[in-house]
Amino acid sequence: MDFVVSGTIHKRTKVCGRKNCRCAVDPAARHGPYYEWSRRQEGRLFHSIVTPEQAEVLSRAIHNYREIKQLLARWELYVPLETRGYLPLLYSKLENTQS
């Protein structure tokens, strides 16, 4: 895995708004495609227009992100906290700070 990002890639076509343009009457003649990357940062939704090349890299990175999330969720389901070795370490650190 090389890149990891969250979000979604949208492939959009647009109508330009000119009355005499063919995109006004023919949906197949719309302008584009344009690629948009949507993601949340600090609780806000952000959108960025990206090139087709960037969209391809971002799509792979989004796939990697989702795969990592699935693996972590599976890991958390099947490996209880006690068997991961964290609790003894946590308890010893707590005892050391309270002494």
N, C-alpha and C. Protein backbone atom coordinates (compact mmCIF):
# COMPACT_ATOMS: atom_id res chain seq x y z
N MET A 1 0.85 -1.18 0.00
CA MET A 1 0.00 0.00 0.00
C MET A 1 0.89 1.24 0.00
N ASP A 2 0.66 2.08 -0.96
CA ASP A 2 1.49 3.28 -1.04
C ASP A 2 0.80 4.50 -0.44
N PHE A 3 -0.45 4.77 -0.77
CA PHE A 3 -1.17 5.92 -0.27
C PHE A 3 -2.44 5.47 0.44
N VAL A 4 -2.85 6.24 1.44
CA VAL A 4 -4.06 5.95 2.19
C VAL A 4 -4.76 7.28 2.48
N VAL A 5 -5.98 7.43 1.97
CA VAL A 5 -6.80 8.61 2.26
C VAL A 5 -8.26 8.18 2.38
N SER A 6 -9.01 8.98 3.09
CA SER A 6 -10.45 8.72 3.17
C SER A 6 -11.16 9.57 2.13
N GLY A 7 -12.42 9.28 1.92
CA GLY A 7 -13.21 10.09 1.00
C GLY A 7 -13.85 9.27 -0.10
N THR A 8 -14.32 10.00 -1.10
CA THR A 8 -15.00 9.40 -2.24
C THR A 8 -14.62 10.16 -3.50
N ILE A 9 -14.51 9.44 -4.60
CA ILE A 9 -14.27 10.08 -5.90
C ILE A 9 -15.59 10.05 -6.67
N HIS A 10 -16.00 11.20 -7.16
CA HIS A 10 -17.21 11.30 -7.99
C HIS A 10 -16.79 11.66 -9.41
N LYS A 11 -17.40 11.01 -10.36
CA LYS A 11 -17.19 11.33 -11.78
C LYS A 11 -18.44 12.05 -12.25
N ARG A 12 -18.28 13.30 -12.64
CA ARG A 12 -19.44 14.13 -12.98
C ARG A 12 -19.34 14.68 -14.40
N THR A 13 -20.51 14.89 -14.98
CA THR A 13 -20.61 15.65 -16.23
C THR A 13 -21.50 16.84 -15.94
N LYS A 14 -21.31 17.93 -16.70
CA LYS A 14 -22.03 19.16 -16.38
C LYS A 14 -22.66 19.80 -17.61
N VAL A 15 -23.71 20.54 -17.33
CA VAL A 15 -24.36 21.37 -18.35
C VAL A 15 -23.80 22.77 -18.19
N CYS A 16 -23.39 23.40 -19.29
CA CYS A 16 -22.71 24.69 -19.20
C CYS A 16 -23.67 25.87 -19.01
N GLY A 17 -24.90 25.75 -19.42
CA GLY A 17 -25.86 26.83 -19.24
C GLY A 17 -26.11 27.66 -20.49
N ARG A 18 -25.32 27.47 -21.53
CA ARG A 18 -25.57 28.20 -22.78
C ARG A 18 -26.74 27.54 -23.51
N LYS A 19 -27.68 28.32 -23.97
CA LYS A 19 -28.89 27.78 -24.60
C LYS A 19 -28.61 27.08 -25.92
N ASN A 20 -27.62 27.54 -26.67
CA ASN A 20 -27.35 26.95 -27.99
C ASN A 20 -26.33 25.82 -27.93
N CYS A 21 -25.86 25.44 -26.75
CA CYS A 21 -24.90 24.35 -26.63
C CYS A 21 -25.65 23.02 -26.69
N ARG A 22 -25.02 22.02 -27.28
CA ARG A 22 -25.66 20.71 -27.41
C ARG A 22 -25.89 20.04 -26.06
N CYS A 23 -25.15 20.43 -25.03
CA CYS A 23 -25.33 19.82 -23.71
C CYS A 23 -26.68 20.20 -23.10
N ALA A 24 -27.30 21.27 -23.61
CA ALA A 24 -28.59 21.72 -23.07
C ALA A 24 -29.73 20.77 -23.44
N VAL A 25 -29.57 20.05 -24.55
CA VAL A 25 -30.66 19.17 -24.99
C VAL A 25 -30.28 17.69 -24.99
N ASP A 26 -29.01 17.39 -25.00
CA ASP A 26 -28.56 15.99 -25.08
C ASP A 26 -27.73 15.63 -23.84
N PRO A 27 -28.28 14.82 -22.93
CA PRO A 27 -27.53 14.44 -21.73
C PRO A 27 -26.21 13.73 -22.04
N ALA A 28 -26.13 13.04 -23.17
CA ALA A 28 -24.90 12.36 -23.55
C ALA A 28 -23.82 13.34 -24.00
N ALA A 29 -24.20 14.59 -24.30
CA ALA A 29 -23.25 15.59 -24.78
C ALA A 29 -22.79 16.53 -23.68
N ARG A 30 -23.08 16.20 -22.44
CA ARG A 30 -22.65 17.07 -21.34
C ARG A 30 -21.13 17.17 -21.29
N HIS A 31 -20.65 18.24 -20.69
CA HIS A 31 -19.21 18.49 -20.60
C HIS A 31 -18.59 17.64 -19.49
N GLY A 32 -17.37 17.21 -19.73
CA GLY A 32 -16.68 16.40 -18.74
C GLY A 32 -16.23 15.10 -19.36
N PRO A 33 -15.89 14.13 -18.60
CA PRO A 33 -16.15 14.02 -17.16
C PRO A 33 -15.15 14.83 -16.33
N TYR A 34 -15.64 15.29 -15.18
CA TYR A 34 -14.82 15.95 -14.18
C TYR A 34 -14.80 15.06 -12.96
N TYR A 35 -13.67 15.02 -12.30
CA TYR A 35 -13.51 14.17 -11.12
C TYR A 35 -13.43 15.05 -9.88
N GLU A 36 -14.19 14.64 -8.86
CA GLU A 36 -14.25 15.41 -7.62
C GLU A 36 -13.95 14.48 -6.45
N TRP A 37 -13.05 14.92 -5.59
CA TRP A 37 -12.71 14.16 -4.38
C TRP A 37 -13.40 14.83 -3.19
N SER A 38 -14.27 14.09 -2.52
CA SER A 38 -14.98 14.59 -1.35
C SER A 38 -14.47 13.87 -0.12
N ARG A 39 -14.26 14.63 0.95
CA ARG A 39 -13.79 14.03 2.19
C ARG A 39 -14.12 14.97 3.35
N ARG A 40 -14.07 14.41 4.56
CA ARG A 40 -14.30 15.19 5.77
C ARG A 40 -12.96 15.50 6.43
N GLN A 41 -12.83 16.76 6.83
CA GLN A 41 -11.66 17.19 7.58
C GLN A 41 -12.14 18.07 8.72
N GLU A 42 -11.76 17.68 9.93
CA GLU A 42 -12.14 18.43 11.13
C GLU A 42 -13.65 18.67 11.17
N GLY A 43 -14.42 17.66 10.78
CA GLY A 43 -15.87 17.74 10.85
C GLY A 43 -16.54 18.47 9.69
N ARG A 44 -15.77 19.00 8.78
CA ARG A 44 -16.34 19.72 7.64
C ARG A 44 -16.15 18.91 6.36
N LEU A 45 -17.07 19.08 5.43
CA LEU A 45 -17.00 18.38 4.15
C LEU A 45 -16.26 19.26 3.15
N PHE A 46 -15.24 18.68 2.51
CA PHE A 46 -14.45 19.39 1.51
C PHE A 46 -14.57 18.68 0.16
N HIS A 47 -14.56 19.46 -0.91
CA HIS A 47 -14.60 18.94 -2.27
C HIS A 47 -13.44 19.56 -3.05
N SER A 48 -12.77 18.74 -3.84
CA SER A 48 -11.70 19.23 -4.69
C SER A 48 -11.84 18.63 -6.08
N ILE A 49 -11.67 19.45 -7.10
CA ILE A 49 -11.64 18.97 -8.47
C ILE A 49 -10.23 18.43 -8.71
N VAL A 50 -10.14 17.22 -9.23
CA VAL A 50 -8.84 16.59 -9.46
C VAL A 50 -8.75 16.12 -10.91
N THR A 51 -7.54 15.92 -11.38
CA THR A 51 -7.32 15.43 -12.74
C THR A 51 -7.67 13.94 -12.80
N PRO A 52 -7.88 13.39 -14.00
CA PRO A 52 -8.13 11.95 -14.10
C PRO A 52 -7.00 11.12 -13.50
N GLU A 53 -5.77 11.56 -13.66
CA GLU A 53 -4.63 10.83 -13.09
C GLU A 53 -4.67 10.86 -11.57
N GLN A 54 -4.96 12.03 -11.02
CA GLN A 54 -5.08 12.15 -9.56
C GLN A 54 -6.25 11.31 -9.05
N ALA A 55 -7.35 11.30 -9.80
CA ALA A 55 -8.52 10.51 -9.39
C ALA A 55 -8.18 9.03 -9.32
N GLU A 56 -7.36 8.56 -10.24
CA GLU A 56 -6.96 7.15 -10.23
C GLU A 56 -6.12 6.83 -9.00
N VAL A 57 -5.16 7.69 -8.68
CA VAL A 57 -4.33 7.48 -7.49
C VAL A 57 -5.18 7.57 -6.22
N LEU A 58 -6.07 8.56 -6.16
CA LEU A 58 -6.93 8.72 -5.00
C LEU A 58 -7.88 7.53 -4.84
N SER A 59 -8.37 6.99 -5.95
CA SER A 59 -9.25 5.82 -5.87
C SER A 59 -8.54 4.64 -5.22
N ARG A 60 -7.29 4.43 -5.60
CA ARG A 60 -6.50 3.34 -4.98
C ARG A 60 -6.26 3.63 -3.50
N ALA A 61 -5.97 4.89 -3.18
CA ALA A 61 -5.71 5.27 -1.79
C ALA A 61 -6.97 5.12 -0.94
N ILE A 62 -8.13 5.46 -1.49
CA ILE A 62 -9.40 5.28 -0.78
C ILE A 62 -9.68 3.80 -0.57
N HIS A 63 -9.40 3.00 -1.60
CA HIS A 63 -9.56 1.55 -1.46
C HIS A 63 -8.65 1.02 -0.34
N ASN A 64 -7.41 1.49 -0.29
CA ASN A 64 -6.47 1.08 0.76
C ASN A 64 -7.00 1.46 2.14
N TYR A 65 -7.54 2.68 2.26
CA TYR A 65 -8.09 3.16 3.53
C TYR A 65 -9.23 2.25 3.99
N ARG A 66 -10.13 1.94 3.10
CA ARG A 66 -11.27 1.09 3.45
C ARG A 66 -10.82 -0.32 3.81
N GLU A 67 -9.82 -0.82 3.12
CA GLU A 67 -9.29 -2.15 3.42
C GLU A 67 -8.65 -2.17 4.81
N ILE A 68 -7.91 -1.12 5.14
CA ILE A 68 -7.30 -1.03 6.47
C ILE A 68 -8.38 -0.98 7.55
N LYS A 69 -9.42 -0.19 7.32
CA LYS A 69 -10.51 -0.10 8.30
C LYS A 69 -11.17 -1.46 8.50
N GLN A 70 -11.39 -2.20 7.43
CA GLN A 70 -11.99 -3.54 7.54
C GLN A 70 -11.08 -4.48 8.31
N LEU A 71 -9.79 -4.44 8.02
CA LEU A 71 -8.85 -5.30 8.72
C LEU A 71 -8.80 -4.98 10.21
N LEU A 72 -8.79 -3.71 10.54
CA LEU A 72 -8.78 -3.31 11.95
C LEU A 72 -10.06 -3.74 12.67
N ALA A 73 -11.19 -3.58 11.99
CA ALA A 73 -12.46 -4.00 12.60
C ALA A 73 -12.46 -5.50 12.84
N ARG A 74 -11.96 -6.26 11.88
CA ARG A 74 -11.89 -7.72 12.05
C ARG A 74 -10.94 -8.08 13.18
N TRP A 75 -9.81 -7.41 13.24
CA TRP A 75 -8.82 -7.68 14.26
C TRP A 75 -9.40 -7.40 15.65
N GLU A 76 -10.11 -6.27 15.79
CA GLU A 76 -10.70 -5.93 17.08
C GLU A 76 -11.78 -6.92 17.50
N LEU A 77 -12.48 -7.50 16.54
CA LEU A 77 -13.51 -8.49 16.87
C LEU A 77 -12.92 -9.79 17.40
N TYR A 78 -11.83 -10.22 16.82
CA TYR A 78 -11.30 -11.55 17.12
C TYR A 78 -10.17 -11.58 18.14
N VAL A 79 -9.62 -10.43 18.47
CA VAL A 79 -8.51 -10.41 19.41
C VAL A 79 -8.94 -9.59 20.62
N PRO A 80 -9.29 -10.25 21.73
CA PRO A 80 -9.70 -9.50 22.92
C PRO A 80 -8.55 -8.63 23.43
N LEU A 81 -8.89 -7.54 24.06
CA LEU A 81 -7.90 -6.59 24.54
C LEU A 81 -6.88 -7.24 25.46
N GLU A 82 -7.33 -8.14 26.33
CA GLU A 82 -6.43 -8.77 27.30
C GLU A 82 -5.33 -9.57 26.62
N THR A 83 -5.62 -10.21 25.49
CA THR A 83 -4.62 -11.06 24.83
C THR A 83 -3.65 -10.27 23.97
N ARG A 84 -3.88 -9.00 23.79
CA ARG A 84 -2.97 -8.20 22.98
C ARG A 84 -1.76 -7.74 23.79
N GLY A 85 -1.78 -7.97 25.10
CA GLY A 85 -0.66 -7.59 25.92
C GLY A 85 -0.69 -6.14 26.37
N TYR A 86 -1.78 -5.43 26.10
CA TYR A 86 -1.83 -4.03 26.47
C TYR A 86 -2.17 -3.81 27.94
N LEU A 87 -3.05 -4.62 28.49
CA LEU A 87 -3.48 -4.38 29.85
C LEU A 87 -2.36 -4.50 30.87
N PRO A 88 -1.53 -5.54 30.83
CA PRO A 88 -0.43 -5.57 31.80
C PRO A 88 0.49 -4.36 31.68
N LEU A 89 0.77 -3.94 30.48
CA LEU A 89 1.62 -2.77 30.27
C LEU A 89 0.93 -1.51 30.80
N LEU A 90 -0.34 -1.37 30.52
CA LEU A 90 -1.11 -0.22 30.98
C LEU A 90 -1.17 -0.19 32.51
N TYR A 91 -1.44 -1.35 33.11
CA TYR A 91 -1.49 -1.42 34.58
C TYR A 91 -0.16 -1.05 35.20
N SER A 92 0.94 -1.52 34.64
CA SER A 92 2.26 -1.21 35.22
C SER A 92 2.56 0.28 35.10
N LYS A 93 2.17 0.91 33.99
CA LYS A 93 2.40 2.35 33.83
C LYS A 93 1.55 3.14 34.81
N LEU A 94 0.30 2.70 35.01
CA LEU A 94 -0.57 3.37 35.98
C LEU A 94 0.00 3.25 37.39
N GLU A 95 0.49 2.08 37.76
CA GLU A 95 1.05 1.89 39.08
C GLU A 95 2.29 2.74 39.28
N ASN A 96 3.11 2.88 38.25
CA ASN A 96 4.33 3.68 38.34
C ASN A 96 4.03 5.17 38.50
N THR A 97 2.96 5.64 37.86
CA THR A 97 2.63 7.06 37.95
C THR A 97 1.95 7.41 39.26
N GLN A 98 1.28 6.42 39.88
CA GLN A 98 0.60 6.68 41.15
C GLN A 98 1.53 6.57 42.34
N SER A 99 2.68 5.95 42.19
CA SER A 99 3.61 5.77 43.32
C SER A 99 4.40 7.00 43.60
